[in-house]
Amino acid sequence: MPRKEDGMLFDIHPTPARGKDGKNILYVRPASGQKMTMQQVEDFCCRNHGLRYGELSRAFDVFLRAAGELMAMGYRIDTPIGSFAPRLSLTREFTDPDDISGRDVRLDGVDYNPGKAWNDELAKWNNGFRRANNANTLELLADEERLLAVLRNTIQKGDGYVTVGRFAYHSGLTYYSARKLLNGWCEGDRPKLLKTKRGQEYIYTEI
């Protein structure tokens, strides 16, 4: 049977859950490394969709400023690519509505609902799927000696610490598996790592 040469590349990864045969249940996701910058998207639009260079970036820039201004006033923005709305939260827990004033409310990001247009557009362009030659996560995890060597090398090149994302990148593991492994090395009677929160992320240092 000829190998499929088009369609979306996908990777296969294990979940923590196990199936009836005792093996890890698998899931799929788009292949890692499939990423384009805004400039690359702009180049693609110029080549394939008759757009003049710079138009897309300018449109995004204007939309970002205009939508930000409107959402700051409380508006929900409906567009062909979905809707955008300000997300609010309270600074602390309340049970009585009369206790809440404007000082107790804060902006907590943007809610995005992609809507049906994305599904229709993806379905129109999708040409099936093909498996990428990604490494088997279970096989990677089984080679602890190699992973420890990767860990030490990454720490040495990272000013004495490593993050989950950096370790995942250098080890070939998924973010989930890398985080689980690093956290496991912080536990037990003789932990290998110390986990410390720095800003919005955790860093790991050797003990």
N, C-alpha and C. Protein backbone atom coordinates (compact mmCIF):
# COMPACT_ATOMS: atom_id res chain seq x y z
N MET A 1 0.85 -1.19 0.00
CA MET A 1 0.00 0.00 0.00
C MET A 1 0.88 1.24 0.00
N PRO A 2 0.70 2.18 -0.94
CA PRO A 2 1.56 3.37 -1.01
C PRO A 2 1.40 4.25 0.22
N ARG A 3 2.50 4.88 0.62
CA ARG A 3 2.48 5.76 1.79
C ARG A 3 1.78 7.07 1.45
N LYS A 4 0.90 7.50 2.33
CA LYS A 4 0.18 8.76 2.11
C LYS A 4 1.16 9.92 2.23
N GLU A 5 1.14 10.82 1.25
CA GLU A 5 2.11 11.91 1.21
C GLU A 5 1.48 13.28 1.40
N ASP A 6 0.17 13.34 1.70
CA ASP A 6 -0.46 14.63 1.99
C ASP A 6 -1.33 14.46 3.23
N GLY A 7 -2.01 15.52 3.62
CA GLY A 7 -2.82 15.47 4.83
C GLY A 7 -2.05 15.99 6.04
N MET A 8 -2.76 16.18 7.14
CA MET A 8 -2.17 16.73 8.35
C MET A 8 -1.31 15.69 9.07
N LEU A 9 -0.08 16.09 9.40
CA LEU A 9 0.79 15.21 10.18
C LEU A 9 0.29 15.15 11.62
N PHE A 10 0.31 13.96 12.20
CA PHE A 10 -0.10 13.84 13.60
C PHE A 10 0.88 12.96 14.37
N ASP A 11 0.99 13.25 15.68
CA ASP A 11 1.79 12.46 16.60
C ASP A 11 0.87 11.61 17.46
N ILE A 12 1.41 10.51 17.97
CA ILE A 12 0.68 9.62 18.88
C ILE A 12 1.35 9.65 20.24
N HIS A 13 0.57 9.83 21.30
CA HIS A 13 1.11 9.89 22.65
C HIS A 13 0.24 9.08 23.60
N PRO A 14 0.82 8.56 24.69
CA PRO A 14 0.03 7.81 25.68
C PRO A 14 -0.59 8.73 26.72
N THR A 15 -1.74 8.35 27.24
CA THR A 15 -2.35 9.01 28.39
C THR A 15 -2.00 8.20 29.64
N PRO A 16 -2.23 8.74 30.83
CA PRO A 16 -1.97 7.96 32.05
C PRO A 16 -2.94 6.80 32.22
N ALA A 17 -4.13 6.89 31.62
CA ALA A 17 -5.14 5.84 31.77
C ALA A 17 -4.75 4.59 30.98
N ARG A 18 -5.21 3.45 31.45
CA ARG A 18 -4.90 2.17 30.80
C ARG A 18 -6.18 1.53 30.26
N GLY A 19 -6.03 0.85 29.14
CA GLY A 19 -7.15 0.16 28.51
C GLY A 19 -7.35 -1.23 29.07
N LYS A 20 -8.25 -1.98 28.46
CA LYS A 20 -8.57 -3.33 28.93
C LYS A 20 -7.38 -4.27 28.82
N ASP A 21 -6.46 -3.97 27.88
CA ASP A 21 -5.30 -4.84 27.72
C ASP A 21 -4.14 -4.46 28.65
N GLY A 22 -4.37 -3.47 29.52
CA GLY A 22 -3.34 -3.05 30.46
C GLY A 22 -2.36 -2.04 29.91
N LYS A 23 -2.46 -1.72 28.64
CA LYS A 23 -1.57 -0.74 28.03
C LYS A 23 -2.16 0.66 28.12
N ASN A 24 -1.29 1.67 28.00
CA ASN A 24 -1.76 3.05 28.07
C ASN A 24 -2.67 3.38 26.89
N ILE A 25 -3.80 4.06 27.18
CA ILE A 25 -4.68 4.54 26.13
C ILE A 25 -3.97 5.68 25.41
N LEU A 26 -4.10 5.70 24.10
CA LEU A 26 -3.37 6.67 23.28
C LEU A 26 -4.25 7.84 22.87
N TYR A 27 -3.60 8.97 22.55
CA TYR A 27 -4.30 10.10 21.95
C TYR A 27 -3.43 10.67 20.84
N VAL A 28 -4.03 11.44 19.96
CA VAL A 28 -3.30 12.02 18.84
C VAL A 28 -3.42 13.54 18.90
N ARG A 29 -2.42 14.22 18.31
CA ARG A 29 -2.45 15.67 18.19
C ARG A 29 -1.60 16.06 17.00
N PRO A 30 -1.76 17.28 16.47
CA PRO A 30 -0.94 17.68 15.32
C PRO A 30 0.54 17.55 15.65
N ALA A 31 1.33 17.17 14.67
CA ALA A 31 2.76 16.93 14.88
C ALA A 31 3.46 18.16 15.43
N SER A 32 4.38 17.96 16.35
CA SER A 32 5.12 19.06 16.94
C SER A 32 6.03 19.69 15.88
N GLY A 33 6.34 20.96 16.09
CA GLY A 33 7.20 21.67 15.14
C GLY A 33 6.45 22.31 13.99
N GLN A 34 5.14 22.08 13.90
CA GLN A 34 4.33 22.67 12.83
C GLN A 34 3.90 24.07 13.27
N LYS A 35 4.72 25.06 13.02
CA LYS A 35 4.43 26.42 13.50
C LYS A 35 4.84 27.43 12.44
N MET A 36 4.03 28.49 12.31
CA MET A 36 4.35 29.56 11.37
C MET A 36 4.30 30.90 12.09
N THR A 37 5.21 31.79 11.75
CA THR A 37 5.19 33.14 12.28
C THR A 37 4.20 33.99 11.50
N MET A 38 3.91 35.17 12.03
CA MET A 38 3.00 36.08 11.33
C MET A 38 3.55 36.44 9.96
N GLN A 39 4.87 36.62 9.87
CA GLN A 39 5.48 36.96 8.58
C GLN A 39 5.32 35.82 7.59
N GLN A 40 5.46 34.58 8.06
CA GLN A 40 5.29 33.43 7.17
C GLN A 40 3.84 33.31 6.70
N VAL A 41 2.89 33.59 7.59
CA VAL A 41 1.48 33.58 7.19
C VAL A 41 1.21 34.67 6.16
N GLU A 42 1.83 35.84 6.39
CA GLU A 42 1.68 36.94 5.43
C GLU A 42 2.24 36.57 4.07
N ASP A 43 3.42 35.94 4.05
CA ASP A 43 4.01 35.48 2.79
C ASP A 43 3.09 34.49 2.08
N PHE A 44 2.51 33.56 2.87
CA PHE A 44 1.61 32.56 2.31
C PHE A 44 0.39 33.23 1.68
N CYS A 45 -0.18 34.24 2.37
CA CYS A 45 -1.35 34.94 1.85
C CYS A 45 -1.02 35.71 0.57
N CYS A 46 0.19 36.28 0.53
CA CYS A 46 0.59 37.00 -0.68
C CYS A 46 0.73 36.06 -1.87
N ARG A 47 1.31 34.88 -1.63
CA ARG A 47 1.53 33.92 -2.71
C ARG A 47 0.25 33.25 -3.18
N ASN A 48 -0.65 32.96 -2.24
CA ASN A 48 -1.77 32.09 -2.55
C ASN A 48 -3.15 32.74 -2.53
N HIS A 49 -3.26 33.93 -1.94
CA HIS A 49 -4.60 34.52 -1.79
C HIS A 49 -4.67 35.97 -2.25
N GLY A 50 -3.73 36.41 -3.06
CA GLY A 50 -3.82 37.71 -3.69
C GLY A 50 -3.75 38.90 -2.75
N LEU A 51 -3.14 38.72 -1.58
CA LEU A 51 -3.02 39.82 -0.62
C LEU A 51 -1.73 40.58 -0.86
N ARG A 52 -1.78 41.90 -0.73
CA ARG A 52 -0.56 42.69 -0.83
C ARG A 52 0.21 42.61 0.49
N TYR A 53 1.54 42.58 0.38
CA TYR A 53 2.35 42.40 1.58
C TYR A 53 2.11 43.55 2.56
N GLY A 54 1.91 43.20 3.83
CA GLY A 54 1.70 44.18 4.88
C GLY A 54 0.24 44.38 5.24
N GLU A 55 -0.67 44.02 4.33
CA GLU A 55 -2.10 44.23 4.59
C GLU A 55 -2.59 43.41 5.78
N LEU A 56 -2.19 42.16 5.85
CA LEU A 56 -2.66 41.30 6.93
C LEU A 56 -2.14 41.79 8.28
N SER A 57 -0.86 42.13 8.36
CA SER A 57 -0.29 42.63 9.62
C SER A 57 -0.97 43.92 10.05
N ARG A 58 -1.22 44.82 9.10
CA ARG A 58 -1.89 46.08 9.45
C ARG A 58 -3.31 45.83 9.94
N ALA A 59 -4.01 44.88 9.28
CA ALA A 59 -5.38 44.58 9.69
C ALA A 59 -5.40 44.01 11.11
N PHE A 60 -4.46 43.11 11.41
CA PHE A 60 -4.38 42.54 12.76
C PHE A 60 -4.06 43.63 13.78
N ASP A 61 -3.15 44.52 13.43
CA ASP A 61 -2.76 45.58 14.35
C ASP A 61 -3.94 46.50 14.66
N VAL A 62 -4.68 46.90 13.63
CA VAL A 62 -5.85 47.76 13.83
C VAL A 62 -6.91 47.03 14.64
N PHE A 63 -7.16 45.75 14.30
CA PHE A 63 -8.19 44.99 15.02
C PHE A 63 -7.81 44.84 16.50
N LEU A 64 -6.53 44.57 16.77
CA LEU A 64 -6.09 44.41 18.15
C LEU A 64 -6.38 45.67 18.97
N ARG A 65 -6.03 46.83 18.40
CA ARG A 65 -6.24 48.09 19.12
C ARG A 65 -7.73 48.42 19.26
N ALA A 66 -8.48 48.24 18.17
CA ALA A 66 -9.91 48.58 18.20
C ALA A 66 -10.69 47.63 19.11
N ALA A 67 -10.43 46.33 18.98
CA ALA A 67 -11.15 45.35 19.81
C ALA A 67 -10.78 45.52 21.28
N GLY A 68 -9.50 45.82 21.55
CA GLY A 68 -9.10 46.04 22.94
C GLY A 68 -9.83 47.22 23.54
N GLU A 69 -9.95 48.31 22.76
CA GLU A 69 -10.65 49.50 23.25
C GLU A 69 -12.13 49.20 23.50
N LEU A 70 -12.77 48.50 22.56
CA LEU A 70 -14.19 48.19 22.70
C LEU A 70 -14.46 47.19 23.83
N MET A 71 -13.63 46.16 23.95
CA MET A 71 -13.83 45.18 25.02
C MET A 71 -13.58 45.80 26.39
N ALA A 72 -12.68 46.79 26.45
CA ALA A 72 -12.45 47.49 27.71
C ALA A 72 -13.70 48.25 28.16
N MET A 73 -14.63 48.53 27.22
CA MET A 73 -15.90 49.17 27.55
C MET A 73 -17.00 48.13 27.81
N GLY A 74 -16.63 46.84 27.66
CA GLY A 74 -17.59 45.78 27.96
C GLY A 74 -18.24 45.14 26.77
N TYR A 75 -17.85 45.54 25.55
CA TYR A 75 -18.48 44.98 24.35
C TYR A 75 -17.96 43.58 24.04
N ARG A 76 -18.85 42.78 23.49
CA ARG A 76 -18.49 41.50 22.90
C ARG A 76 -18.33 41.74 21.40
N ILE A 77 -17.23 41.23 20.82
CA ILE A 77 -16.94 41.47 19.40
C ILE A 77 -17.21 40.20 18.61
N ASP A 78 -18.20 40.24 17.71
CA ASP A 78 -18.50 39.10 16.84
C ASP A 78 -17.82 39.31 15.50
N THR A 79 -17.03 38.32 15.05
CA THR A 79 -16.30 38.40 13.78
C THR A 79 -16.51 37.12 12.99
N PRO A 80 -16.11 37.10 11.72
CA PRO A 80 -16.21 35.85 10.94
C PRO A 80 -15.38 34.71 11.51
N ILE A 81 -14.36 35.02 12.31
CA ILE A 81 -13.53 33.94 12.87
C ILE A 81 -13.89 33.63 14.32
N GLY A 82 -15.01 34.13 14.79
CA GLY A 82 -15.43 33.85 16.15
C GLY A 82 -15.69 35.11 16.94
N SER A 83 -16.04 34.94 18.21
CA SER A 83 -16.37 36.09 19.05
C SER A 83 -15.35 36.25 20.17
N PHE A 84 -15.12 37.50 20.55
CA PHE A 84 -14.18 37.85 21.60
C PHE A 84 -14.93 38.66 22.66
N ALA A 85 -14.69 38.34 23.93
CA ALA A 85 -15.37 39.06 25.00
C ALA A 85 -14.46 39.19 26.21
N PRO A 86 -14.56 40.31 26.95
CA PRO A 86 -13.74 40.45 28.16
C PRO A 86 -14.19 39.45 29.22
N ARG A 87 -13.23 38.85 29.90
CA ARG A 87 -13.52 37.93 31.01
C ARG A 87 -13.20 38.63 32.33
N LEU A 88 -14.16 38.61 33.24
CA LEU A 88 -14.00 39.28 34.53
C LEU A 88 -13.90 38.28 35.67
N SER A 89 -13.31 38.70 36.76
CA SER A 89 -13.27 37.89 37.97
C SER A 89 -13.31 38.82 39.17
N LEU A 90 -13.52 38.25 40.33
CA LEU A 90 -13.55 39.02 41.58
C LEU A 90 -12.22 38.88 42.31
N THR A 91 -11.85 39.92 43.04
CA THR A 91 -10.58 39.91 43.74
C THR A 91 -10.58 38.98 44.95
N ARG A 92 -11.78 38.63 45.43
CA ARG A 92 -11.91 37.69 46.54
C ARG A 92 -13.27 37.04 46.49
N GLU A 93 -13.56 36.14 47.43
CA GLU A 93 -14.82 35.41 47.44
C GLU A 93 -15.92 36.25 48.08
N PHE A 94 -17.08 36.31 47.41
CA PHE A 94 -18.25 37.03 47.92
C PHE A 94 -19.45 36.10 47.94
N THR A 95 -20.39 36.37 48.85
CA THR A 95 -21.66 35.64 48.86
C THR A 95 -22.86 36.60 48.79
N ASP A 96 -22.63 37.88 49.09
CA ASP A 96 -23.69 38.88 49.06
C ASP A 96 -23.43 39.86 47.93
N PRO A 97 -24.34 39.94 46.93
CA PRO A 97 -24.13 40.86 45.80
C PRO A 97 -23.96 42.32 46.23
N ASP A 98 -24.62 42.70 47.35
CA ASP A 98 -24.55 44.09 47.80
C ASP A 98 -23.15 44.47 48.27
N ASP A 99 -22.29 43.47 48.53
CA ASP A 99 -20.94 43.75 49.01
C ASP A 99 -19.97 44.04 47.87
N ILE A 100 -20.39 43.79 46.63
CA ILE A 100 -19.48 43.92 45.48
C ILE A 100 -19.55 45.31 44.89
N SER A 101 -18.39 45.93 44.76
CA SER A 101 -18.29 47.24 44.10
C SER A 101 -17.31 47.12 42.94
N GLY A 102 -17.15 48.19 42.18
CA GLY A 102 -16.23 48.17 41.05
C GLY A 102 -14.80 47.87 41.44
N ARG A 103 -14.42 48.23 42.66
CA ARG A 103 -13.05 47.97 43.13
C ARG A 103 -12.78 46.48 43.32
N ASP A 104 -13.84 45.67 43.40
CA ASP A 104 -13.68 44.23 43.64
C ASP A 104 -13.64 43.43 42.34
N VAL A 105 -13.78 44.09 41.21
CA VAL A 105 -13.80 43.42 39.90
C VAL A 105 -12.49 43.68 39.17
N ARG A 106 -12.01 42.68 38.46
CA ARG A 106 -10.78 42.86 37.68
C ARG A 106 -10.93 42.16 36.33
N LEU A 107 -10.17 42.65 35.36
CA LEU A 107 -10.09 41.99 34.05
C LEU A 107 -9.27 40.72 34.19
N ASP A 108 -9.76 39.64 33.60
CA ASP A 108 -9.08 38.35 33.75
C ASP A 108 -8.83 37.70 32.39
N GLY A 109 -8.61 38.54 31.36
CA GLY A 109 -8.29 37.99 30.05
C GLY A 109 -9.44 38.13 29.07
N VAL A 110 -9.36 37.34 28.01
CA VAL A 110 -10.34 37.39 26.92
C VAL A 110 -10.90 36.00 26.67
N ASP A 111 -12.21 35.91 26.59
CA ASP A 111 -12.86 34.66 26.19
C ASP A 111 -13.01 34.65 24.68
N TYR A 112 -12.64 33.52 24.07
CA TYR A 112 -12.74 33.39 22.62
C TYR A 112 -13.58 32.17 22.27
N ASN A 113 -14.59 32.38 21.46
CA ASN A 113 -15.43 31.29 20.96
C ASN A 113 -15.25 31.20 19.45
N PRO A 114 -14.56 30.16 18.95
CA PRO A 114 -14.23 30.12 17.52
C PRO A 114 -15.43 30.03 16.60
N GLY A 115 -16.54 29.50 17.09
CA GLY A 115 -17.73 29.43 16.24
C GLY A 115 -17.60 28.37 15.15
N LYS A 116 -18.62 28.32 14.28
CA LYS A 116 -18.73 27.28 13.26
C LYS A 116 -17.83 27.54 12.06
N ALA A 117 -17.44 28.80 11.84
CA ALA A 117 -16.69 29.15 10.63
C ALA A 117 -15.37 28.40 10.54
N TRP A 118 -14.67 28.25 11.67
CA TRP A 118 -13.40 27.54 11.66
C TRP A 118 -13.58 26.08 11.27
N ASN A 119 -14.59 25.45 11.85
CA ASN A 119 -14.83 24.04 11.53
C ASN A 119 -15.12 23.86 10.04
N ASP A 120 -15.92 24.75 9.48
CA ASP A 120 -16.25 24.66 8.05
C ASP A 120 -15.01 24.86 7.20
N GLU A 121 -14.16 25.84 7.57
CA GLU A 121 -12.97 26.14 6.77
C GLU A 121 -11.96 25.00 6.86
N LEU A 122 -11.77 24.45 8.06
CA LEU A 122 -10.86 23.32 8.23
C LEU A 122 -11.33 22.12 7.43
N ALA A 123 -12.63 21.85 7.51
CA ALA A 123 -13.18 20.71 6.77
C ALA A 123 -13.01 20.88 5.27
N LYS A 124 -13.10 22.13 4.80
CA LYS A 124 -12.97 22.40 3.36
C LYS A 124 -11.56 22.11 2.86
N TRP A 125 -10.55 22.44 3.67
CA TRP A 125 -9.16 22.31 3.25
C TRP A 125 -8.51 21.00 3.68
N ASN A 126 -9.09 20.32 4.65
CA ASN A 126 -8.45 19.12 5.16
C ASN A 126 -8.41 18.00 4.13
N ASN A 127 -7.25 17.37 4.02
CA ASN A 127 -7.08 16.30 3.03
C ASN A 127 -6.66 15.00 3.70
N GLY A 128 -7.24 14.74 4.87
CA GLY A 128 -6.91 13.52 5.58
C GLY A 128 -5.76 13.72 6.55
N PHE A 129 -5.23 12.61 7.03
CA PHE A 129 -4.19 12.64 8.06
C PHE A 129 -3.11 11.62 7.74
N ARG A 130 -1.88 11.91 8.18
CA ARG A 130 -0.79 10.96 8.03
C ARG A 130 0.08 11.00 9.27
N ARG A 131 0.55 9.85 9.63
CA ARG A 131 1.31 9.73 10.88
C ARG A 131 2.73 10.25 10.73
N ALA A 132 3.15 11.08 11.68
CA ALA A 132 4.54 11.53 11.71
C ALA A 132 5.39 10.49 12.42
N ASN A 133 6.67 10.51 12.14
CA ASN A 133 7.57 9.54 12.77
C ASN A 133 8.05 10.06 14.12
N ASN A 134 7.08 10.32 15.02
CA ASN A 134 7.46 10.83 16.33
C ASN A 134 7.93 9.70 17.24
N ALA A 135 8.81 10.04 18.16
CA ALA A 135 9.34 9.04 19.08
C ALA A 135 8.24 8.56 20.01
N ASN A 136 8.31 7.30 20.39
CA ASN A 136 7.36 6.72 21.32
C ASN A 136 7.69 7.21 22.73
N THR A 137 6.74 7.90 23.36
CA THR A 137 6.99 8.48 24.68
C THR A 137 7.34 7.42 25.70
N LEU A 138 6.69 6.27 25.63
CA LEU A 138 6.97 5.20 26.59
C LEU A 138 8.40 4.70 26.45
N GLU A 139 8.90 4.62 25.22
CA GLU A 139 10.28 4.19 25.00
C GLU A 139 11.25 5.24 25.54
N LEU A 140 10.93 6.52 25.35
CA LEU A 140 11.78 7.58 25.87
C LEU A 140 11.83 7.54 27.40
N LEU A 141 10.69 7.33 28.02
CA LEU A 141 10.64 7.30 29.48
C LEU A 141 11.37 6.10 30.06
N ALA A 142 11.44 5.02 29.29
CA ALA A 142 12.11 3.81 29.78
C ALA A 142 13.62 3.99 29.89
N ASP A 143 14.18 4.92 29.15
CA ASP A 143 15.63 5.14 29.16
C ASP A 143 15.97 6.27 30.13
N GLU A 144 15.90 5.95 31.42
CA GLU A 144 16.11 6.99 32.44
C GLU A 144 17.53 7.54 32.42
N GLU A 145 18.49 6.69 32.10
CA GLU A 145 19.89 7.14 32.07
C GLU A 145 20.07 8.26 31.03
N ARG A 146 19.47 8.09 29.86
CA ARG A 146 19.58 9.13 28.83
C ARG A 146 18.86 10.40 29.27
N LEU A 147 17.68 10.24 29.90
CA LEU A 147 16.91 11.40 30.34
C LEU A 147 17.64 12.18 31.42
N LEU A 148 18.33 11.46 32.31
CA LEU A 148 19.11 12.15 33.34
C LEU A 148 20.28 12.91 32.72
N ALA A 149 20.88 12.32 31.69
CA ALA A 149 21.98 13.01 31.01
C ALA A 149 21.46 14.27 30.31
N VAL A 150 20.28 14.17 29.69
CA VAL A 150 19.67 15.33 29.06
C VAL A 150 19.36 16.39 30.11
N LEU A 151 18.85 15.95 31.26
CA LEU A 151 18.52 16.87 32.34
C LEU A 151 19.74 17.67 32.79
N ARG A 152 20.83 16.96 33.07
CA ARG A 152 22.05 17.62 33.57
C ARG A 152 22.61 18.58 32.52
N ASN A 153 22.59 18.15 31.27
CA ASN A 153 23.11 18.99 30.20
C ASN A 153 22.26 20.26 30.03
N THR A 154 20.94 20.09 30.15
CA THR A 154 20.04 21.23 30.01
C THR A 154 20.19 22.19 31.18
N ILE A 155 20.38 21.65 32.38
CA ILE A 155 20.59 22.50 33.56
C ILE A 155 21.89 23.29 33.43
N GLN A 156 22.94 22.63 32.95
CA GLN A 156 24.23 23.30 32.81
C GLN A 156 24.15 24.46 31.82
N LYS A 157 23.34 24.28 30.76
CA LYS A 157 23.21 25.33 29.74
C LYS A 157 22.13 26.35 30.10
N GLY A 158 21.41 26.12 31.20
CA GLY A 158 20.29 26.99 31.56
C GLY A 158 20.51 27.73 32.86
N ASP A 159 21.74 28.14 33.13
CA ASP A 159 22.05 28.93 34.33
C ASP A 159 21.72 28.21 35.62
N GLY A 160 21.86 26.88 35.60
CA GLY A 160 21.70 26.12 36.84
C GLY A 160 20.30 25.63 37.12
N TYR A 161 19.38 25.79 36.18
CA TYR A 161 18.02 25.30 36.40
C TYR A 161 17.41 24.89 35.07
N VAL A 162 16.26 24.22 35.15
CA VAL A 162 15.54 23.82 33.95
C VAL A 162 14.05 24.05 34.17
N THR A 163 13.33 24.36 33.10
CA THR A 163 11.88 24.47 33.14
C THR A 163 11.27 23.26 32.44
N VAL A 164 9.98 23.06 32.62
CA VAL A 164 9.31 21.93 31.97
C VAL A 164 9.42 22.04 30.46
N GLY A 165 9.15 23.24 29.94
CA GLY A 165 9.19 23.43 28.49
C GLY A 165 10.55 23.15 27.89
N ARG A 166 11.60 23.62 28.56
CA ARG A 166 12.95 23.42 28.05
C ARG A 166 13.34 21.94 28.10
N PHE A 167 12.96 21.26 29.18
CA PHE A 167 13.28 19.84 29.29
C PHE A 167 12.50 19.03 28.26
N ALA A 168 11.24 19.38 28.05
CA ALA A 168 10.43 18.68 27.04
C ALA A 168 11.06 18.83 25.66
N TYR A 169 11.53 20.03 25.35
CA TYR A 169 12.13 20.29 24.03
C TYR A 169 13.38 19.44 23.82
N HIS A 170 14.27 19.40 24.81
CA HIS A 170 15.55 18.70 24.64
C HIS A 170 15.43 17.18 24.79
N SER A 171 14.42 16.72 25.52
CA SER A 171 14.28 15.28 25.73
C SER A 171 13.41 14.60 24.69
N GLY A 172 12.56 15.38 24.00
CA GLY A 172 11.64 14.80 23.04
C GLY A 172 10.33 14.35 23.66
N LEU A 173 10.16 14.58 24.97
CA LEU A 173 8.93 14.20 25.66
C LEU A 173 7.84 15.24 25.41
N THR A 174 6.59 14.86 25.64
CA THR A 174 5.52 15.84 25.63
C THR A 174 5.64 16.69 26.88
N TYR A 175 4.98 17.85 26.86
CA TYR A 175 5.02 18.74 28.03
C TYR A 175 4.48 18.02 29.26
N TYR A 176 3.38 17.28 29.08
CA TYR A 176 2.76 16.55 30.20
C TYR A 176 3.73 15.53 30.79
N SER A 177 4.36 14.73 29.91
CA SER A 177 5.28 13.69 30.39
C SER A 177 6.52 14.29 31.04
N ALA A 178 7.03 15.40 30.46
CA ALA A 178 8.20 16.06 31.04
C ALA A 178 7.89 16.59 32.42
N ARG A 179 6.74 17.21 32.58
CA ARG A 179 6.35 17.75 33.90
C ARG A 179 6.18 16.63 34.92
N LYS A 180 5.53 15.55 34.51
CA LYS A 180 5.33 14.43 35.42
C LYS A 180 6.66 13.82 35.86
N LEU A 181 7.62 13.72 34.93
CA LEU A 181 8.91 13.14 35.26
C LEU A 181 9.70 14.05 36.18
N LEU A 182 9.74 15.35 35.88
CA LEU A 182 10.46 16.30 36.73
C LEU A 182 9.88 16.32 38.15
N ASN A 183 8.55 16.33 38.24
CA ASN A 183 7.92 16.31 39.57
C ASN A 183 8.23 15.03 40.32
N GLY A 184 8.30 13.91 39.58
CA GLY A 184 8.65 12.64 40.21
C GLY A 184 10.07 12.64 40.76
N TRP A 185 10.98 13.32 40.08
CA TRP A 185 12.36 13.42 40.55
C TRP A 185 12.49 14.36 41.76
N CYS A 186 11.43 15.08 42.09
CA CYS A 186 11.44 15.94 43.28
C CYS A 186 10.92 15.20 44.52
N GLU A 187 10.43 13.99 44.33
CA GLU A 187 9.79 13.25 45.42
C GLU A 187 10.67 12.10 45.91
N GLY A 188 10.22 11.42 46.95
CA GLY A 188 10.92 10.25 47.48
C GLY A 188 11.91 10.60 48.58
N ASP A 189 12.55 9.56 49.11
CA ASP A 189 13.52 9.74 50.19
C ASP A 189 14.80 10.40 49.71
N ARG A 190 15.14 10.20 48.45
CA ARG A 190 16.36 10.80 47.90
C ARG A 190 16.03 11.54 46.60
N PRO A 191 15.36 12.68 46.70
CA PRO A 191 14.98 13.43 45.48
C PRO A 191 16.20 13.94 44.74
N LYS A 192 16.05 14.00 43.43
CA LYS A 192 17.14 14.50 42.57
C LYS A 192 17.03 16.00 42.33
N LEU A 193 15.79 16.53 42.42
CA LEU A 193 15.55 17.92 42.06
C LEU A 193 14.79 18.67 43.15
N LEU A 194 14.95 19.99 43.13
CA LEU A 194 14.19 20.88 43.99
C LEU A 194 13.32 21.75 43.10
N LYS A 195 12.03 21.81 43.38
CA LYS A 195 11.07 22.56 42.57
C LYS A 195 10.77 23.90 43.27
N THR A 196 10.94 25.00 42.54
CA THR A 196 10.73 26.33 43.10
C THR A 196 9.89 27.16 42.14
N LYS A 197 8.91 27.90 42.67
CA LYS A 197 8.09 28.75 41.82
C LYS A 197 8.80 30.07 41.57
N ARG A 198 8.88 30.47 40.30
CA ARG A 198 9.48 31.74 39.92
C ARG A 198 8.53 32.44 38.97
N GLY A 199 7.89 33.49 39.46
CA GLY A 199 6.88 34.16 38.65
C GLY A 199 5.70 33.25 38.39
N GLN A 200 5.39 33.03 37.10
CA GLN A 200 4.25 32.20 36.72
C GLN A 200 4.64 30.77 36.37
N GLU A 201 5.92 30.39 36.56
CA GLU A 201 6.34 29.04 36.22
C GLU A 201 7.19 28.46 37.33
N TYR A 202 7.44 27.15 37.23
CA TYR A 202 8.31 26.46 38.18
C TYR A 202 9.65 26.19 37.53
N ILE A 203 10.69 26.30 38.34
CA ILE A 203 12.03 25.93 37.87
C ILE A 203 12.50 24.76 38.73
N TYR A 204 13.40 23.96 38.15
CA TYR A 204 13.91 22.77 38.82
C TYR A 204 15.43 22.86 38.88
N THR A 205 15.97 22.67 40.08
CA THR A 205 17.42 22.69 40.27
C THR A 205 17.86 21.39 40.91
N GLU A 206 19.11 21.00 40.65
CA GLU A 206 19.65 19.77 41.22
C GLU A 206 19.91 19.96 42.72
N ILE A 207 19.69 18.92 43.48
CA ILE A 207 19.98 18.94 44.92
C ILE A 207 21.39 18.45 45.18
